[in-house]
């Protein structure tokens, strides 16, 4: 069993990007710019937004964070996005989800220019992904792809089982793994809560991607020997031994499943850290396209 170390790989990606950004600055006098828009004061969202801004600065990218009151109207938010669509120093626009109930998330996502859609959620980006065209990949599934590549885990012809069908992870992860490309070209099954017996699918997996949002849901009896396990879950569970009163665990019962795994991602320290790294890469790629610069 080998641990897939997301902290190490995300650190390497940031180092590579820092070199690239420094070269861009010397070559063009410009750097990639990312704006992150946060509506409201959700603690988890605030933490993620601050982490993204910190990572941008570490590698020399321009970062701007707009903290907006929860009462902002949908029209005001749409106008702000349009402003950044036309802002030449901004190459990536990210609106932190979820949004307050009075704002239509689909309408907000669709308002972002596809050329600055570094989250990979715009319908145009999604459509291009499905048909195999070059586009921005959603950051968490993109991080999974990168981990599999960096650890040289064979995917061609392997059976990838994705547990979960969200638009953020499950569906795009399945579509990425289907593509006839390096690090993919797999046989893919997507399963979810409608399955009468989930185990009959998960036990077939050569590579299991767990993105269901339930703590320790995947247990040792649900996987076969030698499986590669990618745990996307981030769940808070009670832990009286911790000063915080809780601990963070994945969707996989790590301690028991790791004994049957050939590779496994920990939580924390696995996929989560890759999400920000791939956001930075998408922003870098957006800069190259918008500014018409060759890497």
Protein backbone atom coordinates (compact mmCIF):
# COMPACT_ATOMS: atom_id res chain seq x y z
CA UNK A 1 0.00 0.00 0.00
CA UNK A 2 1.27 3.43 -0.96
CA UNK A 3 -0.13 6.74 0.24
CA UNK A 4 -0.90 9.22 -2.55
CA UNK A 5 0.50 12.41 -1.08
CA UNK A 6 -1.55 15.36 -2.25
CA UNK A 7 0.48 17.77 -0.16
CA UNK A 8 3.71 16.83 -1.91
CA UNK A 9 2.25 16.84 -5.43
CA UNK A 10 0.35 20.11 -4.98
CA UNK A 11 3.55 21.67 -3.63
CA UNK A 12 5.45 20.54 -6.72
CA UNK A 13 2.79 21.97 -9.03
CA UNK A 14 2.95 25.32 -7.23
CA UNK A 15 6.74 25.35 -7.57
CA UNK A 16 6.44 24.66 -11.30
CA UNK A 17 3.84 27.40 -11.68
CA UNK A 18 5.98 29.90 -9.76
CA UNK A 19 8.81 29.39 -12.25
CA UNK A 20 6.35 29.81 -15.15
CA UNK A 21 4.78 32.93 -13.67
CA UNK A 22 8.21 34.49 -13.06
CA UNK A 23 9.09 33.82 -16.71
CA UNK A 24 5.80 35.36 -17.88
CA UNK A 25 6.48 38.48 -15.85
CA UNK A 26 9.92 38.85 -17.41
CA UNK A 27 8.59 38.15 -20.91
CA UNK A 28 5.37 40.20 -20.88
CA UNK A 29 5.51 42.42 -17.80
CA UNK A 30 2.20 40.85 -16.76
CA UNK A 31 1.08 38.07 -14.42
CA UNK A 32 -2.08 35.92 -14.30
CA UNK A 33 -4.86 37.47 -12.23
CA UNK A 34 -7.58 35.68 -10.27
CA UNK A 35 -10.59 37.26 -8.58
CA UNK A 36 -12.52 35.24 -6.02
CA UNK A 37 -16.01 36.41 -5.07
CA UNK A 38 -17.49 35.31 -1.75
CA UNK A 39 -21.08 36.16 -0.85
CA UNK A 40 -21.80 35.92 2.88
CA UNK A 41 -19.55 34.76 5.71
CA UNK A 42 -19.75 30.95 5.67
CA UNK A 43 -16.68 29.89 7.74
CA UNK A 44 -15.71 26.98 5.45
CA UNK A 45 -16.04 29.13 2.32
CA UNK A 46 -14.06 31.94 3.93
CA UNK A 47 -11.26 29.49 4.76
CA UNK A 48 -11.12 28.18 1.18
CA UNK A 49 -11.16 31.68 -0.32
CA UNK A 50 -8.32 32.83 1.93
CA UNK A 51 -6.33 29.69 1.06
CA UNK A 52 -6.74 30.38 -2.65
CA UNK A 53 -5.62 34.00 -2.25
CA UNK A 54 -2.59 32.93 -0.20
CA UNK A 55 -1.58 30.34 -2.79
CA UNK A 56 -1.84 32.92 -5.60
CA UNK A 57 0.51 35.27 -3.81
CA UNK A 58 2.98 32.46 -3.05
CA UNK A 59 3.51 31.83 -6.76
CA UNK A 60 3.43 35.46 -7.86
CA UNK A 61 -0.05 35.66 -9.34
CA UNK A 62 -2.28 38.69 -8.84
CA UNK A 63 -5.12 37.88 -6.46
CA UNK A 64 -8.19 39.83 -5.53
CA UNK A 65 -10.89 38.75 -3.06
CA UNK A 66 -14.30 40.42 -3.04
CA UNK A 67 -16.18 39.78 0.22
CA UNK A 68 -19.84 40.65 -0.38
CA UNK A 69 -22.73 40.96 2.02
CA UNK A 70 -25.24 38.10 1.90
CA UNK A 71 -27.97 40.61 1.04
CA UNK A 72 -26.43 41.52 -2.33
CA UNK A 73 -28.95 41.21 -5.15
CA UNK A 74 -28.58 38.83 -8.05
CA UNK A 75 -28.43 41.77 -10.45
CA UNK A 76 -25.61 43.43 -8.48
CA UNK A 77 -23.62 40.21 -8.53
CA UNK A 78 -24.18 39.80 -12.27
CA UNK A 79 -22.98 43.37 -12.85
CA UNK A 80 -19.84 42.69 -10.80
CA UNK A 81 -19.07 39.57 -12.86
CA UNK A 82 -19.52 41.54 -16.08
CA UNK A 83 -17.05 44.11 -14.78
CA UNK A 84 -14.44 41.38 -14.26
CA UNK A 85 -15.24 39.81 -17.63
CA UNK A 86 -13.95 43.07 -19.12
CA UNK A 87 -11.06 43.64 -16.68
CA UNK A 88 -7.79 43.02 -18.52
CA UNK A 89 -5.76 42.25 -15.40
CA UNK A 90 -8.20 39.47 -14.42
CA UNK A 91 -7.80 36.13 -16.24
CA UNK A 92 -9.82 33.92 -13.91
CA UNK A 93 -13.14 34.51 -12.15
CA UNK A 94 -14.27 32.24 -9.35
CA UNK A 95 -17.56 32.63 -7.49
CA UNK A 96 -17.44 30.60 -4.29
CA UNK A 97 -20.39 28.24 -3.93
CA UNK A 98 -22.89 27.81 -2.38
CA UNK A 99 -24.65 31.12 -2.89
CA UNK A 100 -27.59 32.49 -0.85
CA UNK A 101 -30.97 31.04 -1.83
CA UNK A 102 -32.20 34.26 -3.48
CA UNK A 103 -29.42 34.02 -6.10
CA UNK A 104 -29.66 31.59 -9.03
CA UNK A 105 -26.32 29.74 -9.10
CA UNK A 106 -26.79 28.59 -12.70
CA UNK A 107 -27.37 32.15 -13.86
CA UNK A 108 -24.22 33.33 -12.05
CA UNK A 109 -22.05 30.53 -13.46
CA UNK A 110 -23.34 31.20 -16.99
CA UNK A 111 -22.54 34.93 -16.64
CA UNK A 112 -18.80 34.22 -16.27
CA UNK A 113 -16.93 34.50 -19.57
CA UNK A 114 -15.96 30.98 -20.71
CA UNK A 115 -12.43 32.32 -21.33
CA UNK A 116 -12.18 33.12 -17.58
CA UNK A 117 -14.11 30.10 -16.27
CA UNK A 118 -11.22 28.67 -14.24
CA UNK A 119 -13.63 26.61 -12.12
CA UNK A 120 -14.71 24.71 -15.25
CA UNK A 121 -18.43 24.94 -14.40
CA UNK A 122 -19.75 26.99 -17.34
CA UNK A 123 -22.02 24.96 -19.67
CA UNK A 124 -19.61 25.63 -22.54
CA UNK A 125 -16.70 24.23 -20.51
CA UNK A 126 -18.78 21.22 -19.49
CA UNK A 127 -19.89 20.58 -23.07
CA UNK A 128 -16.32 20.74 -24.36
CA UNK A 129 -15.21 18.31 -21.65
CA UNK A 130 -17.90 15.80 -22.63
CA UNK A 131 -16.94 15.82 -26.33
CA UNK A 132 -13.20 15.81 -25.62
CA UNK A 133 -12.30 19.37 -26.66
CA UNK A 134 -9.63 21.47 -24.94
CA UNK A 135 -11.23 23.31 -22.02
CA UNK A 136 -10.89 24.18 -18.34
CA UNK A 137 -11.41 21.07 -16.23
CA UNK A 138 -13.20 21.39 -12.88
CA UNK A 139 -10.43 21.67 -10.31
CA UNK A 140 -11.11 18.69 -8.04
CA UNK A 141 -11.49 16.09 -10.84
CA UNK A 142 -8.49 17.72 -12.56
CA UNK A 143 -6.55 17.17 -9.34
CA UNK A 144 -7.53 13.49 -9.33
CA UNK A 145 -6.30 13.12 -12.92
CA UNK A 146 -3.00 14.77 -12.01
CA UNK A 147 -2.46 12.52 -8.98
CA UNK A 148 -3.02 9.40 -11.07
CA UNK A 149 -0.57 10.69 -13.69
CA UNK A 150 2.12 11.70 -11.22
CA UNK A 151 1.99 8.34 -9.46
CA UNK A 152 2.05 6.59 -12.86
CA UNK A 153 -1.11 4.63 -12.03
CA UNK A 154 -2.34 2.84 -15.16
CA UNK A 155 -5.86 3.89 -16.18
CA UNK A 156 -6.12 2.63 -19.78
CA UNK A 157 -8.71 -0.14 -19.89
CA UNK A 158 -9.06 -0.15 -16.11
CA UNK A 159 -12.47 -0.12 -14.45
CA UNK A 160 -13.01 3.22 -12.71
CA UNK A 161 -16.03 3.33 -10.40
CA UNK A 162 -17.20 6.78 -9.35
CA UNK A 163 -19.45 6.92 -6.30
CA UNK A 164 -21.40 10.16 -6.55
CA UNK A 165 -22.89 12.18 -9.40
CA UNK A 166 -22.47 15.83 -8.44
CA UNK A 167 -21.76 18.43 -11.12
CA UNK A 168 -18.65 19.47 -9.18
CA UNK A 169 -16.92 16.07 -8.82
CA UNK A 170 -18.80 12.91 -9.80
CA UNK A 171 -20.00 13.73 -13.33
CA UNK A 172 -16.87 15.57 -14.50
CA UNK A 173 -14.58 12.92 -12.97
CA UNK A 174 -16.43 10.23 -14.92
CA UNK A 175 -16.24 12.24 -18.14
CA UNK A 176 -12.53 12.94 -17.70
CA UNK A 177 -11.73 9.27 -17.13
CA UNK A 178 -13.71 8.30 -20.26
CA UNK A 179 -11.63 10.47 -22.58
CA UNK A 180 -9.23 8.78 -24.97
CA UNK A 181 -6.28 10.63 -23.47
CA UNK A 182 -3.25 10.08 -21.27
CA UNK A 183 -4.21 9.33 -17.69
CA UNK A 184 -7.72 8.30 -18.73
CA UNK A 185 -9.13 5.95 -21.43
CA UNK A 186 -10.84 3.92 -18.71
CA UNK A 187 -14.02 1.86 -18.48
CA UNK A 188 -16.24 3.99 -16.23
CA UNK A 189 -19.19 3.20 -13.99
CA UNK A 190 -21.04 5.93 -12.10
CA UNK A 191 -23.08 4.76 -9.15
CA UNK A 192 -25.13 6.60 -6.56
CA UNK A 193 -27.90 6.35 -3.97
CA UNK A 194 -30.38 4.76 -6.39
CA UNK A 195 -28.31 1.54 -6.50
CA UNK A 196 -29.95 -1.29 -4.58
CA UNK A 197 -26.57 -2.80 -3.73
CA UNK A 198 -23.66 -0.40 -4.16
CA UNK A 199 -21.15 -3.07 -3.17
CA UNK A 200 -21.65 -5.08 -6.37
CA UNK A 201 -20.25 -2.08 -8.27
CA UNK A 202 -17.55 -0.90 -5.88
CA UNK A 203 -16.04 -4.41 -5.61
CA UNK A 204 -15.43 -4.36 -9.38
CA UNK A 205 -13.36 -1.18 -9.23
CA UNK A 206 -9.70 -1.13 -10.18
CA UNK A 207 -9.83 2.56 -9.28
CA UNK A 208 -12.52 3.78 -6.89
CA UNK A 209 -13.34 7.50 -6.69
CA UNK A 210 -15.47 8.22 -3.61
CA UNK A 211 -17.34 11.52 -3.75
CA UNK A 212 -20.59 10.87 -1.94
CA UNK A 213 -20.26 13.17 1.08
CA UNK A 214 -20.81 10.56 3.79
CA UNK A 215 -18.16 9.97 6.46
CA UNK A 216 -16.39 6.58 6.30
CA UNK A 217 -19.06 5.28 3.91
CA UNK A 218 -16.78 3.02 1.85
CA UNK A 219 -15.72 0.11 4.04
CA UNK A 220 -13.18 -2.68 3.52
CA UNK A 221 -15.84 -5.24 2.49
CA UNK A 222 -16.86 -2.95 -0.39
CA UNK A 223 -13.52 -3.06 -2.25
CA UNK A 224 -11.30 -5.72 -3.79
CA UNK A 225 -7.65 -6.41 -3.06
CA UNK A 226 -5.23 -4.07 -4.83
CA UNK A 227 -7.76 -1.31 -5.50
CA UNK A 228 -6.62 2.28 -6.03
CA UNK A 229 -8.74 4.51 -3.77
CA UNK A 230 -9.27 8.22 -4.41
CA UNK A 231 -11.18 9.76 -1.50
CA UNK A 232 -12.72 13.15 -2.30
CA UNK A 233 -14.83 13.40 0.85
CA UNK A 234 -14.28 16.06 3.51
CA UNK A 235 -16.54 15.35 6.48
CA UNK A 236 -16.51 16.71 10.01
CA UNK A 237 -17.18 14.08 12.69
CA UNK A 238 -17.27 14.38 16.46
CA UNK A 239 -13.99 13.66 18.25
CA UNK A 240 -13.91 14.24 21.99
CA UNK A 241 -10.14 13.66 22.05
CA UNK A 242 -9.58 16.70 19.82
CA UNK A 243 -9.38 20.26 21.17
CA UNK A 244 -11.72 21.32 18.39
CA UNK A 245 -14.21 18.60 19.33
CA UNK A 246 -14.16 17.16 15.83
CA UNK A 247 -11.89 15.66 13.19
CA UNK A 248 -11.93 15.66 9.39
CA UNK A 249 -12.43 12.31 7.67
CA UNK A 250 -13.13 11.21 4.12
CA UNK A 251 -15.86 9.13 2.51
CA UNK A 252 -13.61 6.08 2.93
CA UNK A 253 -12.92 4.16 6.14
CA UNK A 254 -9.22 4.83 5.68
CA UNK A 255 -7.74 2.68 8.44
CA UNK A 256 -9.50 -0.49 7.28
CA UNK A 257 -9.61 0.09 3.52
CA UNK A 258 -5.89 0.94 3.23
CA UNK A 259 -4.98 -2.68 4.06
CA UNK A 260 -6.62 -3.82 0.81
CA UNK A 261 -5.43 -0.91 -1.32
CA UNK A 262 -2.42 -0.62 -3.63
CA UNK A 263 -2.70 3.20 -3.48
CA UNK A 264 -4.93 5.42 -1.36
CA UNK A 265 -5.38 9.14 -0.72
CA UNK A 266 -5.58 10.29 2.90
CA UNK A 267 -8.03 12.89 4.26
CA UNK A 268 -6.78 15.46 4.93
CA UNK A 269 -3.63 15.62 2.80
CA UNK A 270 -4.96 14.08 -0.39
CA UNK A 271 -7.27 15.40 -3.09
CA UNK A 272 -8.33 18.58 -1.26
CA UNK A 273 -4.94 20.25 -1.59
CA UNK A 274 -4.88 19.47 -5.31
CA UNK A 275 -8.04 21.49 -5.94
CA UNK A 276 -6.30 24.81 -5.29
CA UNK A 277 -3.19 23.77 -7.24
CA UNK A 278 -5.29 22.99 -10.31
CA UNK A 279 -7.20 26.26 -9.94
CA UNK A 280 -3.87 28.05 -10.16
CA UNK A 281 -2.92 26.03 -13.24
CA UNK A 282 -6.23 26.85 -14.90
CA UNK A 283 -5.63 30.55 -14.19
CA UNK A 284 -2.16 30.30 -15.71
CA UNK A 285 -3.61 28.58 -18.80
CA UNK A 286 -6.32 31.26 -19.04
CA UNK A 287 -3.60 33.93 -19.09
CA UNK A 288 -1.77 32.21 -21.95
CA UNK A 289 -4.96 32.03 -24.05
CA UNK A 290 -6.27 35.53 -23.29
CA UNK A 291 -2.88 37.21 -23.73
CA UNK A 292 -2.00 34.97 -26.70
CA UNK A 293 1.31 33.95 -25.12
CA UNK A 294 3.10 30.67 -25.82
CA UNK A 295 4.28 28.79 -22.74
